Amino acid sequence: MQQAKFSCNENQVEFLNNYKEYGFKDKSSLVREALNRLKEEFESMKLRESAELYAETYMEDSDLKALTESAAQGWPE
């Protein structure tokens, strides 16, 4: 596993030092889990923003609405 060096403020160091209270075996596993969760949160946020943009585009484009409705005709609901 690769290593990384970074700086933390006092509150972050205190949080890391309490890794056992959060059920982690060491500081590194706490940091890895935190980074994974942050990555998932960013990806989810990006997906939501994309969906909102598509919805906005759909609502503003009458040609796209008509195309979608015509393509959906005959499909079970």
N, C-alpha and C. Protein backbone atom coordinates (compact mmCIF):
# COMPACT_ATOMS: atom_id res chain seq x y z
N MET A 1 0.84 -1.17 0.00
CA MET A 1 0.00 0.00 0.00
C MET A 1 0.89 1.24 0.00
N GLN A 2 0.54 2.21 -0.82
CA GLN A 2 1.33 3.44 -0.88
C GLN A 2 1.08 4.31 0.35
N GLN A 3 2.06 5.13 0.65
CA GLN A 3 1.93 6.05 1.77
C GLN A 3 1.83 7.47 1.25
N ALA A 4 1.19 8.32 2.05
CA ALA A 4 1.06 9.74 1.71
C ALA A 4 1.34 10.56 2.96
N LYS A 5 1.92 11.71 2.75
CA LYS A 5 2.22 12.59 3.86
C LYS A 5 1.37 13.84 3.70
N PHE A 6 0.70 14.26 4.78
CA PHE A 6 -0.13 15.45 4.73
C PHE A 6 -0.15 16.10 6.11
N SER A 7 -0.58 17.34 6.15
CA SER A 7 -0.65 18.09 7.40
C SER A 7 -2.08 18.14 7.91
N CYS A 8 -2.22 18.17 9.23
CA CYS A 8 -3.54 18.25 9.87
C CYS A 8 -3.53 19.35 10.91
N ASN A 9 -4.71 19.93 11.14
CA ASN A 9 -4.80 20.89 12.24
C ASN A 9 -5.02 20.12 13.55
N GLU A 10 -5.03 20.82 14.66
CA GLU A 10 -5.10 20.16 15.97
C GLU A 10 -6.37 19.32 16.13
N ASN A 11 -7.51 19.84 15.68
CA ASN A 11 -8.77 19.09 15.80
C ASN A 11 -8.71 17.79 15.01
N GLN A 12 -8.11 17.83 13.85
CA GLN A 12 -8.00 16.63 13.02
C GLN A 12 -7.06 15.61 13.66
N VAL A 13 -5.97 16.08 14.24
CA VAL A 13 -5.03 15.18 14.92
C VAL A 13 -5.72 14.52 16.11
N GLU A 14 -6.49 15.31 16.86
CA GLU A 14 -7.23 14.77 18.00
C GLU A 14 -8.21 13.70 17.54
N PHE A 15 -8.91 13.97 16.44
CA PHE A 15 -9.84 13.00 15.87
C PHE A 15 -9.10 11.71 15.48
N LEU A 16 -7.98 11.85 14.80
CA LEU A 16 -7.19 10.68 14.39
C LEU A 16 -6.70 9.88 15.60
N ASN A 17 -6.31 10.59 16.64
CA ASN A 17 -5.81 9.91 17.83
C ASN A 17 -6.89 9.09 18.54
N ASN A 18 -8.14 9.38 18.26
CA ASN A 18 -9.26 8.65 18.86
C ASN A 18 -9.79 7.55 17.94
N TYR A 19 -8.94 7.06 17.06
CA TYR A 19 -9.36 6.06 16.06
C TYR A 19 -10.02 4.83 16.70
N LYS A 20 -9.53 4.39 17.86
CA LYS A 20 -10.09 3.20 18.51
C LYS A 20 -11.54 3.42 18.94
N GLU A 21 -11.86 4.64 19.35
CA GLU A 21 -13.24 4.95 19.77
C GLU A 21 -14.22 4.78 18.62
N TYR A 22 -13.73 4.89 17.40
CA TYR A 22 -14.58 4.77 16.21
C TYR A 22 -14.52 3.37 15.61
N GLY A 23 -13.81 2.48 16.27
CA GLY A 23 -13.77 1.09 15.83
C GLY A 23 -12.71 0.76 14.79
N PHE A 24 -11.70 1.61 14.66
CA PHE A 24 -10.65 1.37 13.67
C PHE A 24 -9.42 0.79 14.36
N LYS A 25 -8.66 -0.02 13.62
CA LYS A 25 -7.47 -0.65 14.20
C LYS A 25 -6.28 0.30 14.26
N ASP A 26 -6.30 1.31 13.39
CA ASP A 26 -5.21 2.29 13.39
C ASP A 26 -5.67 3.57 12.68
N LYS A 27 -4.83 4.57 12.74
CA LYS A 27 -5.15 5.86 12.13
C LYS A 27 -5.31 5.75 10.62
N SER A 28 -4.47 4.93 10.02
CA SER A 28 -4.51 4.79 8.56
C SER A 28 -5.85 4.24 8.08
N SER A 29 -6.38 3.25 8.79
CA SER A 29 -7.66 2.67 8.37
C SER A 29 -8.78 3.69 8.52
N LEU A 30 -8.70 4.54 9.54
CA LEU A 30 -9.69 5.61 9.71
C LEU A 30 -9.62 6.59 8.53
N VAL A 31 -8.41 6.99 8.17
CA VAL A 31 -8.23 7.93 7.06
C VAL A 31 -8.70 7.31 5.75
N ARG A 32 -8.38 6.05 5.52
CA ARG A 32 -8.82 5.39 4.28
C ARG A 32 -10.34 5.36 4.19
N GLU A 33 -11.01 5.02 5.29
CA GLU A 33 -12.47 4.98 5.29
C GLU A 33 -13.05 6.38 5.06
N ALA A 34 -12.46 7.37 5.71
CA ALA A 34 -12.94 8.75 5.53
C ALA A 34 -12.78 9.19 4.08
N LEU A 35 -11.67 8.86 3.47
CA LEU A 35 -11.44 9.23 2.07
C LEU A 35 -12.41 8.49 1.14
N ASN A 36 -12.66 7.22 1.42
CA ASN A 36 -13.63 6.47 0.60
C ASN A 36 -15.02 7.08 0.70
N ARG A 37 -15.42 7.45 1.92
CA ARG A 37 -16.75 8.05 2.10
C ARG A 37 -16.83 9.41 1.41
N LEU A 38 -15.78 10.20 1.49
CA LEU A 38 -15.76 11.50 0.83
C LEU A 38 -15.83 11.33 -0.68
N LYS A 39 -15.10 10.37 -1.20
CA LYS A 39 -15.13 10.09 -2.64
C LYS A 39 -16.55 9.71 -3.08
N GLU A 40 -17.20 8.82 -2.32
CA GLU A 40 -18.58 8.42 -2.64
C GLU A 40 -19.53 9.61 -2.59
N GLU A 41 -19.32 10.48 -1.61
CA GLU A 41 -20.17 11.66 -1.48
C GLU A 41 -20.00 12.59 -2.68
N PHE A 42 -18.76 12.80 -3.10
CA PHE A 42 -18.51 13.65 -4.27
C PHE A 42 -19.12 13.04 -5.53
N GLU A 43 -18.97 11.72 -5.69
CA GLU A 43 -19.54 11.06 -6.87
C GLU A 43 -21.06 11.15 -6.86
N SER A 44 -21.66 10.99 -5.70
CA SER A 44 -23.12 11.09 -5.58
C SER A 44 -23.58 12.51 -5.88
N MET A 45 -22.85 13.49 -5.38
CA MET A 45 -23.19 14.89 -5.63
C MET A 45 -23.09 15.20 -7.13
N LYS A 46 -22.06 14.69 -7.77
CA LYS A 46 -21.87 14.91 -9.20
C LYS A 46 -23.02 14.27 -9.99
N LEU A 47 -23.43 13.08 -9.58
CA LEU A 47 -24.54 12.39 -10.24
C LEU A 47 -25.85 13.16 -10.06
N ARG A 48 -26.10 13.67 -8.85
CA ARG A 48 -27.30 14.48 -8.61
C ARG A 48 -27.31 15.72 -9.48
N GLU A 49 -26.16 16.40 -9.55
CA GLU A 49 -26.07 17.61 -10.37
C GLU A 49 -26.33 17.30 -11.84
N SER A 50 -25.80 16.18 -12.30
CA SER A 50 -26.01 15.77 -13.68
C SER A 50 -27.48 15.48 -13.93
N ALA A 51 -28.12 14.78 -13.00
CA ALA A 51 -29.54 14.46 -13.15
C ALA A 51 -30.38 15.74 -13.16
N GLU A 52 -30.03 16.69 -12.31
CA GLU A 52 -30.75 17.96 -12.29
C GLU A 52 -30.59 18.71 -13.60
N LEU A 53 -29.41 18.68 -14.16
CA LEU A 53 -29.16 19.34 -15.44
C LEU A 53 -29.97 18.68 -16.55
N TYR A 54 -29.99 17.35 -16.58
CA TYR A 54 -30.79 16.64 -17.58
C TYR A 54 -32.27 16.96 -17.41
N ALA A 55 -32.75 17.00 -16.17
CA ALA A 55 -34.16 17.31 -15.92
C ALA A 55 -34.48 18.73 -16.37
N GLU A 56 -33.59 19.66 -16.09
CA GLU A 56 -33.79 21.05 -16.49
C GLU A 56 -33.81 21.17 -18.01
N THR A 57 -32.89 20.50 -18.67
CA THR A 57 -32.84 20.51 -20.13
C THR A 57 -34.12 19.92 -20.71
N TYR A 58 -34.58 18.82 -20.13
CA TYR A 58 -35.80 18.17 -20.60
C TYR A 58 -37.00 19.11 -20.46
N MET A 59 -37.10 19.79 -19.32
CA MET A 59 -38.24 20.67 -19.07
C MET A 59 -38.25 21.87 -20.01
N GLU A 60 -37.08 22.31 -20.46
CA GLU A 60 -36.99 23.50 -21.30
C GLU A 60 -37.04 23.19 -22.80
N ASP A 61 -36.90 21.94 -23.18
CA ASP A 61 -36.80 21.57 -24.59
C ASP A 61 -38.06 20.82 -25.03
N SER A 62 -38.98 21.53 -25.68
CA SER A 62 -40.24 20.92 -26.09
C SER A 62 -40.02 19.84 -27.15
N ASP A 63 -39.04 20.02 -28.01
CA ASP A 63 -38.74 18.99 -29.02
C ASP A 63 -38.30 17.69 -28.36
N LEU A 64 -37.49 17.81 -27.34
CA LEU A 64 -37.02 16.63 -26.62
C LEU A 64 -38.18 15.93 -25.91
N LYS A 65 -39.08 16.73 -25.33
CA LYS A 65 -40.26 16.15 -24.68
C LYS A 65 -41.09 15.37 -25.69
N ALA A 66 -41.33 15.97 -26.86
CA ALA A 66 -42.14 15.32 -27.90
C ALA A 66 -41.46 14.03 -28.37
N LEU A 67 -40.16 14.08 -28.56
CA LEU A 67 -39.41 12.90 -28.98
C LEU A 67 -39.52 11.79 -27.94
N THR A 68 -39.36 12.15 -26.68
CA THR A 68 -39.45 11.16 -25.61
C THR A 68 -40.84 10.55 -25.54
N GLU A 69 -41.85 11.39 -25.63
CA GLU A 69 -43.23 10.90 -25.57
C GLU A 69 -43.54 9.99 -26.74
N SER A 70 -43.07 10.33 -27.93
CA SER A 70 -43.34 9.48 -29.10
C SER A 70 -42.60 8.15 -28.98
N ALA A 71 -41.42 8.17 -28.43
CA ALA A 71 -40.65 6.94 -28.26
C ALA A 71 -41.28 6.04 -27.19
N ALA A 72 -41.94 6.65 -26.22
CA ALA A 72 -42.53 5.88 -25.12
C ALA A 72 -43.89 5.29 -25.47
N GLN A 73 -44.49 5.75 -26.54
CA GLN A 73 -45.81 5.23 -26.92
C GLN A 73 -45.71 3.74 -27.24
N GLY A 74 -46.66 3.00 -26.71
CA GLY A 74 -46.66 1.56 -26.94
C GLY A 74 -45.89 0.77 -25.91
N TRP A 75 -45.15 1.44 -25.05
CA TRP A 75 -44.42 0.76 -23.99
C TRP A 75 -45.35 0.57 -22.79
N PRO A 76 -45.21 -0.53 -22.10
CA PRO A 76 -46.04 -0.72 -20.89
C PRO A 76 -45.66 0.31 -19.83
N GLU A 77 -46.66 0.70 -19.07
CA GLU A 77 -46.39 1.71 -18.03
C GLU A 77 -45.93 1.09 -16.75
